[in-house]
C-alpha atoms as a PDB file:
ATOM      1  CA  MET A   1      -1.295-196.105  65.866  1.00  0.00           C
ATOM      2  CA  ASN A   2       2.206-195.285  67.388  1.00  0.00           C
ATOM      3  CA  ARG A   3       4.036-192.323  65.897  1.00  0.00           C
ATOM      4  CA  PRO A   4       7.070-190.457  66.829  1.00  0.00           C
ATOM      5  CA  VAL A   5       6.884-187.972  69.727  1.00  0.00           C
ATOM      6  CA  LEU A   6       8.411-184.693  69.432  1.00  0.00           C
ATOM      7  CA  ARG A   7       9.306-183.920  72.973  1.00  0.00           C
ATOM      8  CA  ASP A   8      10.216-180.498  74.751  1.00  0.00           C
ATOM      9  CA  THR A   9      13.970-180.698  75.308  1.00  0.00           C
ATOM     10  CA  ALA A  10      13.588-178.814  78.435  1.00  0.00           C
ATOM     11  CA  ALA A  11      11.229-181.294  79.881  1.00  0.00           C
ATOM     12  CA  PRO A  12      12.824-184.394  81.387  1.00  0.00           C
ATOM     13  CA  THR A  13      13.081-187.951  79.669  1.00  0.00           C
ATOM     14  CA  PRO A  14      11.293-190.463  81.321  1.00  0.00           C
ATOM     15  CA  ASP A  15      14.920-191.926  82.286  1.00  0.00           C
ATOM     16  CA  GLN A  16      15.633-188.954  83.965  1.00  0.00           C
ATOM     17  CA  ALA A  17      12.364-188.362  85.625  1.00  0.00           C
ATOM     18  CA  ALA A  18      12.372-191.682  87.581  1.00  0.00           C
ATOM     19  CA  VAL A  19      15.897-191.300  88.955  1.00  0.00           C
ATOM     20  CA  GLY A  20      16.263-191.941  92.383  1.00  0.00           C
ATOM     21  CA  LEU A  21      12.587-193.480  92.610  1.00  0.00           C
ATOM     22  CA  ILE A  22      11.120-197.111  93.416  1.00  0.00           C
ATOM     23  CA  ALA A  23       8.637-198.363  91.164  1.00  0.00           C
ATOM     24  CA  ARG A  24       6.307-200.739  93.171  1.00  0.00           C
ATOM     25  CA  ALA A  25       2.849-201.978  93.362  1.00  0.00           C
ATOM     26  CA  LEU A  26       0.137-200.151  95.495  1.00  0.00           C
ATOM     27  CA  THR A  27      -0.603-201.368  98.828  1.00  0.00           C
ATOM     28  CA  ASP A  28      -3.169-200.772 101.344  1.00  0.00           C
ATOM     29  CA  GLU A  29      -1.063-199.153 103.721  1.00  0.00           C
ATOM     30  CA  ASP A  30      -0.126-196.425 101.144  1.00  0.00           C
ATOM     31  CA  VAL A  31      -3.984-195.638 100.665  1.00  0.00           C
ATOM     32  CA  ASP A  32      -4.611-192.818 103.331  1.00  0.00           C
ATOM     33  CA  ALA A  33      -1.391-190.950 102.931  1.00  0.00           C
ATOM     34  CA  TRP A  34      -1.701-190.981  99.012  1.00  0.00           C
ATOM     35  CA  VAL A  35      -5.046-189.862  98.955  1.00  0.00           C
ATOM     36  CA  ALA A  36      -4.685-186.721 100.863  1.00  0.00           C
ATOM     37  CA  GLN A  37      -1.673-185.967  98.309  1.00  0.00           C
ATOM     38  CA  GLU A  38      -4.048-186.348  95.590  1.00  0.00           C
ATOM     39  CA  ARG A  39      -6.888-184.101  96.917  1.00  0.00           C
ATOM     40  CA  GLN A  40      -4.006-181.372  97.185  1.00  0.00           C
ATOM     41  CA  ALA A  41      -2.927-182.021  93.421  1.00  0.00           C
ATOM     42  CA  CYS A  42      -6.126-181.900  91.848  1.00  0.00           C
ATOM     43  CA  LEU A  43      -7.777-178.640  91.029  1.00  0.00           C
ATOM     44  CA  HIS A  44     -10.786-179.833  93.225  1.00  0.00           C
ATOM     45  CA  PRO A  45     -10.723-182.214  95.967  1.00  0.00           C
ATOM     46  CA  LEU A  46     -13.994-183.818  94.504  1.00  0.00           C
ATOM     47  CA  HIS A  47     -11.363-184.902  91.496  1.00  0.00           C
ATOM     48  CA  ALA A  48      -9.174-186.983  93.333  1.00  0.00           C
ATOM     49  CA  TRP A  49     -10.192-190.915  94.182  1.00  0.00           C
ATOM     50  CA  THR A  50     -11.322-191.497  97.588  1.00  0.00           C
ATOM     51  CA  PRO A  51      -9.844-194.340  99.793  1.00  0.00           C
ATOM     52  CA  GLU A  52     -12.657-196.831  99.127  1.00  0.00           C
ATOM     53  CA  ASN A  53     -11.933-196.484  95.168  1.00  0.00           C
ATOM     54  CA  TYR A  54      -8.370-197.444  95.682  1.00  0.00           C
ATOM     55  CA  ARG A  55      -9.267-200.211  98.200  1.00  0.00           C
ATOM     56  CA  SER A  56     -11.736-201.744  95.518  1.00  0.00           C
ATOM     57  CA  SER A  57      -9.067-201.387  92.898  1.00  0.00           C
ATOM     58  CA  LEU A  58      -6.707-203.525  95.412  1.00  0.00           C
ATOM     59  CA  ARG A  59      -9.295-206.113  96.575  1.00  0.00           C
ATOM     60  CA  ALA A  60     -10.175-206.331  92.771  1.00  0.00           C
ATOM     61  CA  GLY A  61      -6.801-207.300  91.811  1.00  0.00           C
ATOM     62  CA  TYR A  62      -6.399-204.261  89.450  1.00  0.00           C
ATOM     63  CA  TRP A  63      -2.632-203.272  88.180  1.00  0.00           C
ATOM     64  CA  SER A  64      -1.013-200.679  90.038  1.00  0.00           C
ATOM     65  CA  ARG A  65       2.445-198.980  89.954  1.00  0.00           C
ATOM     66  CA  VAL A  66       3.428-196.251  92.308  1.00  0.00           C
ATOM     67  CA  LEU A  67       6.754-194.123  92.312  1.00  0.00           C
ATOM     68  CA  CYS A  68       8.204-193.833  95.804  1.00  0.00           C
ATOM     69  CA  ALA A  69      10.825-191.053  96.992  1.00  0.00           C
ATOM     70  CA  GLY A  70      11.813-192.814 100.020  1.00  0.00           C
ATOM     71  CA  ASP A  71       8.979-193.984 102.101  1.00  0.00           C
ATOM     72  CA  ARG A  72       6.617-191.281 100.290  1.00  0.00           C
ATOM     73  CA  VAL A  73       4.220-192.209  97.463  1.00  0.00           C
ATOM     74  CA  VAL A  74       4.803-189.314  94.818  1.00  0.00           C
ATOM     75  CA  ALA A  75       2.632-190.935  91.900  1.00  0.00           C
ATOM     76  CA  VAL A  76      -0.194-193.531  91.179  1.00  0.00           C
ATOM     77  CA  CYS A  77      -1.300-195.302  88.030  1.00  0.00           C
ATOM     78  CA  VAL A  78      -4.300-197.590  88.374  1.00  0.00           C
ATOM     79  CA  ALA A  79      -5.484-199.917  85.311  1.00  0.00           C
ATOM     80  CA  MET A  80      -7.778-202.738  84.639  1.00  0.00           C
ATOM     81  CA  ASP A  81      -7.261-205.711  82.153  1.00  0.00           C
ATOM     82  CA  GLY A  82      -9.932-206.285  80.123  1.00  0.00           C
ATOM     83  CA  VAL A  83     -10.237-208.975  76.892  1.00  0.00           C
ATOM     84  CA  ASP A  84      -7.511-207.528  74.433  1.00  0.00           C
ATOM     85  CA  GLU A  85      -7.416-204.137  76.066  1.00  0.00           C
ATOM     86  CA  ILE A  86      -6.520-202.224  79.223  1.00  0.00           C
ATOM     87  CA  HIS A  87      -8.464-199.124  80.846  1.00  0.00           C
ATOM     88  CA  LEU A  88      -6.351-196.684  82.770  1.00  0.00           C
ATOM     89  CA  LEU A  89      -8.517-196.177  85.307  1.00  0.00           C
ATOM     90  CA  ASN A  90      -6.708-193.464  87.358  1.00  0.00           C
ATOM     91  CA  ILE A  91      -3.147-191.679  87.202  1.00  0.00           C
ATOM     92  CA  ALA A  92      -2.210-188.765  89.700  1.00  0.00           C
ATOM     93  CA  VAL A  93       0.937-187.219  90.721  1.00  0.00           C
ATOM     94  CA  ALA A  94       1.787-185.124  93.800  1.00  0.00           C
ATOM     95  CA  ARG A  95       1.627-181.612  93.483  1.00  0.00           C
ATOM     96  CA  ASP A  96       4.893-180.821  94.457  1.00  0.00           C
ATOM     97  CA  TRP A  97       6.266-183.714  91.852  1.00  0.00           C
ATOM     98  CA  GLN A  98       4.428-182.316  88.744  1.00  0.00           C
ATOM     99  CA  GLY A  99       5.940-181.193  85.924  1.00  0.00           C
ATOM    100  CA  ARG A 100       8.851-183.823  86.063  1.00  0.00           C
ATOM    101  CA  GLY A 101       7.603-186.314  83.839  1.00  0.00           C
ATOM    102  CA  LEU A 102       6.337-188.877  86.222  1.00  0.00           C
ATOM    103  CA  ALA A 103       2.849-189.248  84.656  1.00  0.00           C
ATOM    104  CA  LEU A 104       4.898-190.323  81.438  1.00  0.00           C
ATOM    105  CA  VAL A 105       7.065-192.497  83.385  1.00  0.00           C
ATOM    106  CA  LEU A 106       3.610-194.291  85.006  1.00  0.00           C
ATOM    107  CA  LEU A 107       2.040-194.208  81.406  1.00  0.00           C
ATOM    108  CA  GLN A 108       4.773-195.792  79.520  1.00  0.00           C
ATOM    109  CA  ALA A 109       4.743-198.491  81.918  1.00  0.00           C
ATOM    110  CA  LEU A 110       1.561-199.014  81.641  1.00  0.00           C
ATOM    111  CA  CYS A 111       2.047-199.214  77.798  1.00  0.00           C
ATOM    112  CA  GLU A 112       4.694-201.840  78.735  1.00  0.00           C
ATOM    113  CA  ARG A 113       1.826-203.816  80.100  1.00  0.00           C
ATOM    114  CA  CYS A 114      -0.279-203.331  77.382  1.00  0.00           C
ATOM    115  CA  LEU A 115       2.441-205.349  75.049  1.00  0.00           C
ATOM    116  CA  HIS A 116       2.978-208.197  77.671  1.00  0.00           C
ATOM    117  CA  GLN A 117      -0.915-208.714  78.488  1.00  0.00           C
ATOM    118  CA  ARG A 118      -0.879-208.676  74.191  1.00  0.00           C
ATOM    119  CA  ALA A 119      -3.542-205.637  74.746  1.00  0.00           C
ATOM    120  CA  GLN A 120      -4.476-204.110  71.265  1.00  0.00           C
ATOM    121  CA  ALA A 121      -5.484-201.127  72.935  1.00  0.00           C
ATOM    122  CA  LEU A 122      -5.247-198.289  75.894  1.00  0.00           C
ATOM    123  CA  TRP A 123      -8.613-196.845  77.084  1.00  0.00           C
ATOM    124  CA  LEU A 124      -9.053-193.837  79.581  1.00  0.00           C
ATOM    125  CA  GLU A 125     -11.557-191.203  80.191  1.00  0.00           C
ATOM    126  CA  VAL A 126     -10.404-187.150  80.988  1.00  0.00           C
ATOM    127  CA  ARG A 127     -12.044-184.472  82.504  1.00  0.00           C
ATOM    128  CA  PRO A 128     -12.245-181.929  79.565  1.00  0.00           C
ATOM    129  CA  SER A 129     -10.947-179.510  82.225  1.00  0.00           C
ATOM    130  CA  ASN A 130      -7.669-181.220  82.794  1.00  0.00           C
ATOM    131  CA  ALA A 131      -5.999-179.556  79.593  1.00  0.00           C
ATOM    132  CA  ARG A 132      -2.251-181.109  80.878  1.00  0.00           C
ATOM    133  CA  ALA A 133      -3.533-184.602  81.200  1.00  0.00           C
ATOM    134  CA  ARG A 134      -5.392-184.396  77.947  1.00  0.00           C
ATOM    135  CA  ALA A 135      -2.021-182.859  76.136  1.00  0.00           C
ATOM    136  CA  LEU A 136       0.278-185.643  77.383  1.00  0.00           C
ATOM    137  CA  TYR A 137      -2.519-188.117  76.353  1.00  0.00           C
ATOM    138  CA  GLN A 138      -2.591-186.752  72.651  1.00  0.00           C
ATOM    139  CA  ARG A 139       1.319-186.450  72.636  1.00  0.00           C
ATOM    140  CA  GLU A 140       1.215-189.947  73.619  1.00  0.00           C
ATOM    141  CA  GLY A 141      -0.476-191.213  70.522  1.00  0.00           C
ATOM    142  CA  PHE A 142      -4.303-191.433  72.227  1.00  0.00           C
ATOM    143  CA  VAL A 143      -7.444-190.321  69.736  1.00  0.00           C
ATOM    144  CA  ASP A 144     -10.658-189.007  71.115  1.00  0.00           C
ATOM    145  CA  ILE A 145     -13.332-191.751  70.786  1.00  0.00           C
ATOM    146  CA  GLY A 146     -16.391-190.151  72.335  1.00  0.00           C
ATOM    147  CA  VAL A 147     -17.778-188.375  75.156  1.00  0.00           C
ATOM    148  CA  ARG A 148     -19.458-189.967  78.630  1.00  0.00           C
ATOM    149  CA  LYS A 149     -22.357-187.375  79.782  1.00  0.00           C
ATOM    150  CA  HIS A 150     -21.877-186.225  83.355  1.00  0.00           C
ATOM    151  CA  TYR A 151     -19.193-188.813  83.963  1.00  0.00           C
ATOM    152  CA  TYR A 152     -17.356-186.938  86.803  1.00  0.00           C
ATOM    153  CA  PRO A 153     -18.372-185.390  90.241  1.00  0.00           C
ATOM    154  CA  ALA A 154     -17.965-181.751  89.865  1.00  0.00           C
ATOM    155  CA  GLU A 155     -17.977-178.887  92.289  1.00  0.00           C
ATOM    156  CA  GLY A 156     -21.035-177.704  90.379  1.00  0.00           C
ATOM    157  CA  GLY A 157     -22.949-180.797  89.703  1.00  0.00           C
ATOM    158  CA  ARG A 158     -21.147-183.246  87.093  1.00  0.00           C
ATOM    159  CA  GLU A 159     -18.677-183.108  84.447  1.00  0.00           C
ATOM    160  CA  ASP A 160     -17.941-185.071  81.239  1.00  0.00           C
ATOM    161  CA  ALA A 161     -15.505-187.326  80.187  1.00  0.00           C
ATOM    162  CA  LEU A 162     -13.594-187.727  77.062  1.00  0.00           C
ATOM    163  CA  VAL A 163     -12.937-190.911  76.072  1.00  0.00           C
ATOM    164  CA  MET A 164      -9.973-191.584  74.474  1.00  0.00           C
ATOM    165  CA  ARG A 165      -8.056-194.758  72.812  1.00  0.00           C
ATOM    166  CA  ARG A 166      -4.703-195.568  72.056  1.00  0.00           C
ATOM    167  CA  GLU A 167      -3.806-198.703  69.371  1.00  0.00           C
ATOM    168  CA  ILE A 168      -0.923-200.996  70.917  1.00  0.00           C
ATOM    169  CA  GLN A 169       1.301-202.087  67.946  1.00  0.00           C
ATOM    170  CA  LEU A 170       1.654-205.711  69.071  1.00  0.00           C
ATOM    171  CA  GLU A 171       3.065-207.070  65.882  1.00  0.00           C
ATOM    172  CA  ALA A 172       6.034-204.709  65.875  1.00  0.00           C
ATOM    173  CA  ALA A 173       6.893-205.552  69.668  1.00  0.00           C
ATOM    174  CA  HIS A 174       6.745-209.228  69.101  1.00  0.00           C
ATOM    175  CA  ALA A 175       8.386-209.434  66.238  1.00  0.00           C
ATOM    176  CA  LEU A 176      11.682-209.704  67.621  1.00  0.00           C
ATOM    177  CA  ASP A 177      10.135-212.712  70.167  1.00  0.00           C
END
């Protein structure tokens, strides 16, 4: 369901957040430097994707976007197309760039991809312990669908994943076509 989103006026808008940044696809050359940053950005290094996670996504042809400040990747998003849906696999922002609205910029780019691909839904999993990400997803219209037990590696064993879904309103978006 698309609904109006109330934003904190102190937070940067997506247009403001992306000023001076370059958006492009992830490349193999980005992976090692980015993984080192992602490990620092996560609450625990086990929460970060591995180089192989990224490289297998590249080999599979999954959609990706990075935001770059100069030559440095500061945020990453990877998603997989499905039949009438898209699945967000990973979204991460470098620690020193967090709180600037970059995750929202990437999430909105992914929603645009949903419209372009005519995907009716956007799915994701998120750690229950990741309160910031869950709050962002809820603000952006995602709703809880279920739980995947013992889905993520965690310091003390495994952590569940909350499954969330956002309906994409294709009719309104294509009424102007």
